Structures are given as structure tokens and as C-alpha cells.
C-alpha atoms as a PDB file:
ATOM      1  CA  MET A   1      26.441 116.107  94.851  1.00  0.00           C
ATOM      2  CA  GLY A   2      24.669 114.158  97.573  1.00  0.00           C
ATOM      3  CA  ARG A   3      21.822 111.767  97.962  1.00  0.00           C
ATOM      4  CA  ILE A   4      18.286 112.773  97.024  1.00  0.00           C
ATOM      5  CA  PHE A   5      15.624 111.926  99.587  1.00  0.00           C
ATOM      6  CA  VAL A   6      12.162 111.877  98.047  1.00  0.00           C
ATOM      7  CA  VAL A   7       9.059 112.631 100.108  1.00  0.00           C
ATOM      8  CA  GLU A   8       6.190 110.180  99.510  1.00  0.00           C
ATOM      9  CA  LEU A   9       2.860 111.949 100.021  1.00  0.00           C
ATOM     10  CA  GLU A  10      -0.167 110.286 101.622  1.00  0.00           C
ATOM     11  CA  GLY A  11      -3.546 110.909  99.988  1.00  0.00           C
ATOM     12  CA  ARG A  12      -4.489 112.258  96.591  1.00  0.00           C
ATOM     13  CA  SER A  13      -1.519 114.035  95.068  1.00  0.00           C
ATOM     14  CA  TYR A  14      -0.081 115.583  91.938  1.00  0.00           C
ATOM     15  CA  ARG A  15       3.103 114.128  90.456  1.00  0.00           C
ATOM     16  CA  CYS A  16       5.756 115.020  87.933  1.00  0.00           C
ATOM     17  CA  LYS A  17       4.525 114.007  84.474  1.00  0.00           C
ATOM     18  CA  PHE A  18       7.992 112.863  83.449  1.00  0.00           C
ATOM     19  CA  CYS A  19       9.127 110.698  86.384  1.00  0.00           C
ATOM     20  CA  LYS A  20       5.974 110.385  88.584  1.00  0.00           C
ATOM     21  CA  THR A  21       7.627 111.887  91.685  1.00  0.00           C
ATOM     22  CA  HIS A  22       5.133 113.316  94.208  1.00  0.00           C
ATOM     23  CA  LEU A  23       4.999 117.131  94.088  1.00  0.00           C
ATOM     24  CA  ALA A  24       1.906 118.352  95.960  1.00  0.00           C
ATOM     25  CA  LEU A  25      -1.206 117.215  97.802  1.00  0.00           C
ATOM     26  CA  ALA A  26      -4.656 117.908  96.392  1.00  0.00           C
ATOM     27  CA  ASP A  27      -5.509 119.264  99.866  1.00  0.00           C
ATOM     28  CA  ASP A  28      -2.909 122.021  99.331  1.00  0.00           C
ATOM     29  CA  LEU A  29      -4.547 123.159  96.083  1.00  0.00           C
ATOM     30  CA  ILE A  30      -5.666 126.783  96.349  1.00  0.00           C
ATOM     31  CA  SER A  31      -6.879 127.313  92.817  1.00  0.00           C
ATOM     32  CA  ARG A  32      -6.922 125.952  89.323  1.00  0.00           C
ATOM     33  CA  LEU A  33      -5.415 128.265  86.775  1.00  0.00           C
ATOM     34  CA  THR A  34      -6.296 128.808  83.125  1.00  0.00           C
ATOM     35  CA  CYS A  35      -2.990 129.877  81.730  1.00  0.00           C
ATOM     36  CA  ARG A  36      -1.695 132.790  79.712  1.00  0.00           C
ATOM     37  CA  CYS A  37       0.628 134.265  82.288  1.00  0.00           C
ATOM     38  CA  GLU A  38      -1.289 135.201  85.391  1.00  0.00           C
ATOM     39  CA  GLN A  39      -4.426 136.108  87.233  1.00  0.00           C
ATOM     40  CA  LYS A  40      -7.613 136.713  85.266  1.00  0.00           C
ATOM     41  CA  VAL A  41     -10.415 136.932  87.855  1.00  0.00           C
ATOM     42  CA  GLN A  42     -10.377 138.707  91.216  1.00  0.00           C
ATOM     43  CA  PRO A  43     -10.389 136.496  94.336  1.00  0.00           C
ATOM     44  CA  PHE A  44     -13.772 135.301  95.573  1.00  0.00           C
ATOM     45  CA  VAL A  45     -13.985 133.994  99.109  1.00  0.00           C
ATOM     46  CA  PRO A  46     -17.003 131.780  99.862  1.00  0.00           C
ATOM     47  CA  ALA A  47     -18.280 132.700 103.336  1.00  0.00           C
ATOM     48  CA  ALA A  48     -19.135 129.096 104.200  1.00  0.00           C
ATOM     49  CA  VAL A  49     -15.642 127.816 103.381  1.00  0.00           C
ATOM     50  CA  GLY A  50     -13.497 130.447 105.041  1.00  0.00           C
ATOM     51  CA  ILE A  51     -11.040 133.147 104.214  1.00  0.00           C
ATOM     52  CA  PHE A  52      -8.258 130.880 102.933  1.00  0.00           C
ATOM     53  CA  SER A  53     -10.314 129.275 100.142  1.00  0.00           C
ATOM     54  CA  ILE A  54      -9.714 131.559  97.191  1.00  0.00           C
ATOM     55  CA  LEU A  55     -11.091 130.770  93.750  1.00  0.00           C
ATOM     56  CA  LEU A  56      -8.960 132.283  91.004  1.00  0.00           C
ATOM     57  CA  SER A  57      -8.323 131.927  87.325  1.00  0.00           C
ATOM     58  CA  PHE A  58      -4.615 132.170  86.450  1.00  0.00           C
ATOM     59  CA  HIS A  59      -2.714 132.051  83.202  1.00  0.00           C
ATOM     60  CA  CYS A  60       0.768 130.781  82.337  1.00  0.00           C
ATOM     61  CA  ARG A  61       2.751 130.353  79.149  1.00  0.00           C
ATOM     62  CA  ARG A  62       2.021 126.695  78.513  1.00  0.00           C
ATOM     63  CA  GLY A  63      -1.640 126.242  79.469  1.00  0.00           C
ATOM     64  CA  LYS A  64      -3.460 125.496  82.714  1.00  0.00           C
ATOM     65  CA  ALA A  65      -1.706 125.697  86.053  1.00  0.00           C
ATOM     66  CA  TYR A  66      -2.580 125.237  89.725  1.00  0.00           C
ATOM     67  CA  LEU A  67      -1.671 127.361  92.744  1.00  0.00           C
ATOM     68  CA  PHE A  68      -0.600 125.380  95.852  1.00  0.00           C
ATOM     69  CA  THR A  69       0.273 126.357  99.400  1.00  0.00           C
ATOM     70  CA  ASN A  70       3.083 123.789  99.472  1.00  0.00           C
ATOM     71  CA  ALA A  71       5.178 121.647  97.118  1.00  0.00           C
ATOM     72  CA  VAL A  72       7.729 118.919  97.841  1.00  0.00           C
ATOM     73  CA  ASN A  73      10.517 117.185  95.927  1.00  0.00           C
ATOM     74  CA  THR A  74      11.429 120.354  94.071  1.00  0.00           C
ATOM     75  CA  THR A  75      14.499 122.502  93.728  1.00  0.00           C
ATOM     76  CA  ILE A  76      14.147 126.245  93.436  1.00  0.00           C
ATOM     77  CA  GLY A  77      15.953 128.262  90.793  1.00  0.00           C
ATOM     78  CA  THR A  78      17.303 131.782  90.988  1.00  0.00           C
ATOM     79  CA  PRO A  79      14.711 134.427  91.911  1.00  0.00           C
ATOM     80  CA  GLU A  80      14.050 137.000  89.190  1.00  0.00           C
ATOM     81  CA  GLU A  81      11.689 139.882  88.573  1.00  0.00           C
ATOM     82  CA  ARG A  82       8.869 139.081  86.123  1.00  0.00           C
ATOM     83  CA  VAL A  83       6.135 141.339  84.869  1.00  0.00           C
ATOM     84  CA  MET A  84       2.937 139.312  84.803  1.00  0.00           C
ATOM     85  CA  LEU A  85      -0.634 140.275  83.998  1.00  0.00           C
ATOM     86  CA  SER A  86      -1.245 140.985  87.692  1.00  0.00           C
ATOM     87  CA  GLY A  87       1.882 143.117  88.089  1.00  0.00           C
ATOM     88  CA  LEU A  88       5.530 142.806  89.014  1.00  0.00           C
ATOM     89  CA  HIS A  89       6.532 139.715  91.019  1.00  0.00           C
ATOM     90  CA  THR A  90       9.761 138.151  92.206  1.00  0.00           C
ATOM     91  CA  VAL A  91       9.499 134.483  91.208  1.00  0.00           C
ATOM     92  CA  ALA A  92      11.793 131.481  90.977  1.00  0.00           C
ATOM     93  CA  ASP A  93      11.301 128.532  88.642  1.00  0.00           C
ATOM     94  CA  ILE A  94      10.846 125.191  90.405  1.00  0.00           C
ATOM     95  CA  PHE A  95      12.215 121.906  89.089  1.00  0.00           C
ATOM     96  CA  CYS A  96      11.470 118.256  89.885  1.00  0.00           C
ATOM     97  CA  CYS A  97      14.272 117.074  92.171  1.00  0.00           C
ATOM     98  CA  CYS A  98      14.440 113.674  90.452  1.00  0.00           C
ATOM     99  CA  CYS A  99      14.360 114.386  86.713  1.00  0.00           C
ATOM    100  CA  GLY A 100      15.218 118.101  86.679  1.00  0.00           C
ATOM    101  CA  GLN A 101      12.253 119.142  84.504  1.00  0.00           C
ATOM    102  CA  ILE A 102      10.756 122.562  85.164  1.00  0.00           C
ATOM    103  CA  VAL A 103       7.318 122.045  86.735  1.00  0.00           C
ATOM    104  CA  GLY A 104       6.313 125.620  87.616  1.00  0.00           C
ATOM    105  CA  TRP A 105       7.402 128.548  89.760  1.00  0.00           C
ATOM    106  CA  LYS A 106       7.316 129.903  93.290  1.00  0.00           C
ATOM    107  CA  TYR A 107       6.176 133.405  94.188  1.00  0.00           C
ATOM    108  CA  GLU A 108       8.933 134.881  96.342  1.00  0.00           C
ATOM    109  CA  SER A 109       7.370 138.330  96.620  1.00  0.00           C
ATOM    110  CA  ALA A 110       4.656 140.483  95.109  1.00  0.00           C
ATOM    111  CA  HIS A 111       5.169 144.201  94.651  1.00  0.00           C
ATOM    112  CA  GLU A 112       1.464 145.122  94.707  1.00  0.00           C
ATOM    113  CA  LYS A 113      -0.538 144.945  97.916  1.00  0.00           C
ATOM    114  CA  SER A 114      -3.441 143.083  96.260  1.00  0.00           C
ATOM    115  CA  GLN A 115      -1.062 140.281  95.196  1.00  0.00           C
ATOM    116  CA  LYS A 116       0.635 139.659  98.572  1.00  0.00           C
ATOM    117  CA  TYR A 117      -1.455 136.496  99.141  1.00  0.00           C
ATOM    118  CA  LYS A 118       0.683 134.755  96.476  1.00  0.00           C
ATOM    119  CA  GLU A 119       3.953 135.138  98.387  1.00  0.00           C
ATOM    120  CA  GLY A 120       5.461 131.779  99.295  1.00  0.00           C
ATOM    121  CA  LYS A 121       2.947 129.894  97.113  1.00  0.00           C
ATOM    122  CA  PHE A 122       3.775 127.459  94.308  1.00  0.00           C
ATOM    123  CA  VAL A 123       2.365 127.274  90.789  1.00  0.00           C
ATOM    124  CA  LEU A 124       2.508 123.863  89.099  1.00  0.00           C
ATOM    125  CA  GLU A 125       1.833 123.833  85.375  1.00  0.00           C
ATOM    126  CA  ARG A 126      -0.907 121.328  84.482  1.00  0.00           C
ATOM    127  CA  GLY A 127       0.907 120.135  81.364  1.00  0.00           C
ATOM    128  CA  ARG A 128       3.882 119.076  83.501  1.00  0.00           C
ATOM    129  CA  ILE A 129       2.046 117.256  86.307  1.00  0.00           C
ATOM    130  CA  VAL A 130      -0.386 114.359  86.589  1.00  0.00           C
ATOM    131  CA  ASP A 131      -3.079 113.729  89.164  1.00  0.00           C
ATOM    132  CA  ASP A 132      -3.121 110.373  91.009  1.00  0.00           C
ATOM    133  CA  VAL A 133      -6.532 109.872  89.382  1.00  0.00           C
ATOM    134  CA  ASP A 134      -4.836 110.161  85.958  1.00  0.00           C
ATOM    135  CA  PHE A 135      -2.872 106.968  86.680  1.00  0.00           C
ATOM    136  CA  SER A 136      -6.012 104.852  86.319  1.00  0.00           C
ATOM    137  CA  THR A 137      -6.021 105.609  82.577  1.00  0.00           C
ATOM    138  CA  GLU A 138      -2.342 104.793  82.055  1.00  0.00           C
ATOM    139  CA  PHE A 139      -2.665 101.048  82.531  1.00  0.00           C
ATOM    140  CA  PHE A 140      -3.530  98.850  79.578  1.00  0.00           C
ATOM    141  CA  ILE A 141      -6.109  96.196  80.339  1.00  0.00           C
ATOM    142  CA  ASP A 142      -6.297  93.388  77.798  1.00  0.00           C
ATOM    143  CA  SER A 143      -9.997  92.791  77.223  1.00  0.00           C
ATOM    144  CA  HIS A 144      -9.499  89.870  74.829  1.00  0.00           C
ATOM    145  CA  ALA A 145     -10.352  86.485  76.259  1.00  0.00           C
ATOM    146  CA  ASN A 146      -7.307  84.236  76.407  1.00  0.00           C
ATOM    147  CA  MET A 147      -7.430  80.502  75.976  1.00  0.00           C
ATOM    148  CA  SER A 148      -6.655  78.472  79.053  1.00  0.00           C
ATOM    149  CA  ASP A 149      -3.931  75.792  79.087  1.00  0.00           C
ATOM    150  CA  GLY A 150      -6.588  73.126  78.647  1.00  0.00           C
ATOM    151  CA  GLU A 151      -7.884  74.680  75.442  1.00  0.00           C
ATOM    152  CA  ASP A 152      -4.408  74.784  73.847  1.00  0.00           C
ATOM    153  CA  ALA A 153      -4.346  71.027  73.189  1.00  0.00           C
END
């Protein structure tokens, strides 16, 4: 099978919910998606930010999802044609390379001209990833005062 080499990302990142492997940088986030199975709102490009900052509302089967320009530590499944709310797309499911859980999909190609911007982009489902910021709430801090060794006697 071979050895798995995992990429450790620098900066704020999103990780696999199941094994905490880095998947994408927050800087590569294009849009946050509100899921049902695809795009809900037409792209809006703020003039001050530039042409590559697109604000969209997407939908997927399991809830919210995010569109990224890049993802790491994933394996890509077999491409297949899927009819989504925004039209016909060729997509491939993407899986965490460490635990094998499905974490989203990659747009291989879009058949409609208005959807071409999605080609080569990755969708990570929010319910299957965690933000580095989310880790701060995972640790249990005991707020009860403990007795010191001197008080035990």
C-alpha cells in the first residue's frame, strides 16, 4: 500500500472531524455554503476585494459546506456526473487520507458556462470538518480548586 505522508498546514486551518488531520487553510476559503445540494445565490464580487473573492451560498446533503481553492491530505474518488441545483457537474468525492472518511467533493468539470469557476475547487462539508478555533472548546478545564499537599494532612 505505501506510506502516508501528511501535510501539516501553517496558520488557521480546517481539519478532519474524525482524526484531526489538516485538510485546508482558512486563507483558501472561497465561500461558506448553506447546504441542500448546491448554489443558492449568484456570485457577488466586492470591487474593493477583487475578482477572486466570491461570496456564495451553497447547499449539500448533510448541512453547511465550504468551497476551497485547495485541499490537502485527501484522496479523490472516481469522477461521476451529478445533477445539482446549479446544473450538471462532474464531481469526485474526497476522503481524508488518514481515516478514510468522506469529507466532501471536488468539482472536476462544470457543463454550464456560469459554473466554470468551480472547476478544480474543493467542497468540504462543515459537519465533517473542524476549525482550529473549534479546538479551544474541546479541552476540559477543571475549575474546582484542588487541595495542595500541605492541606492533605
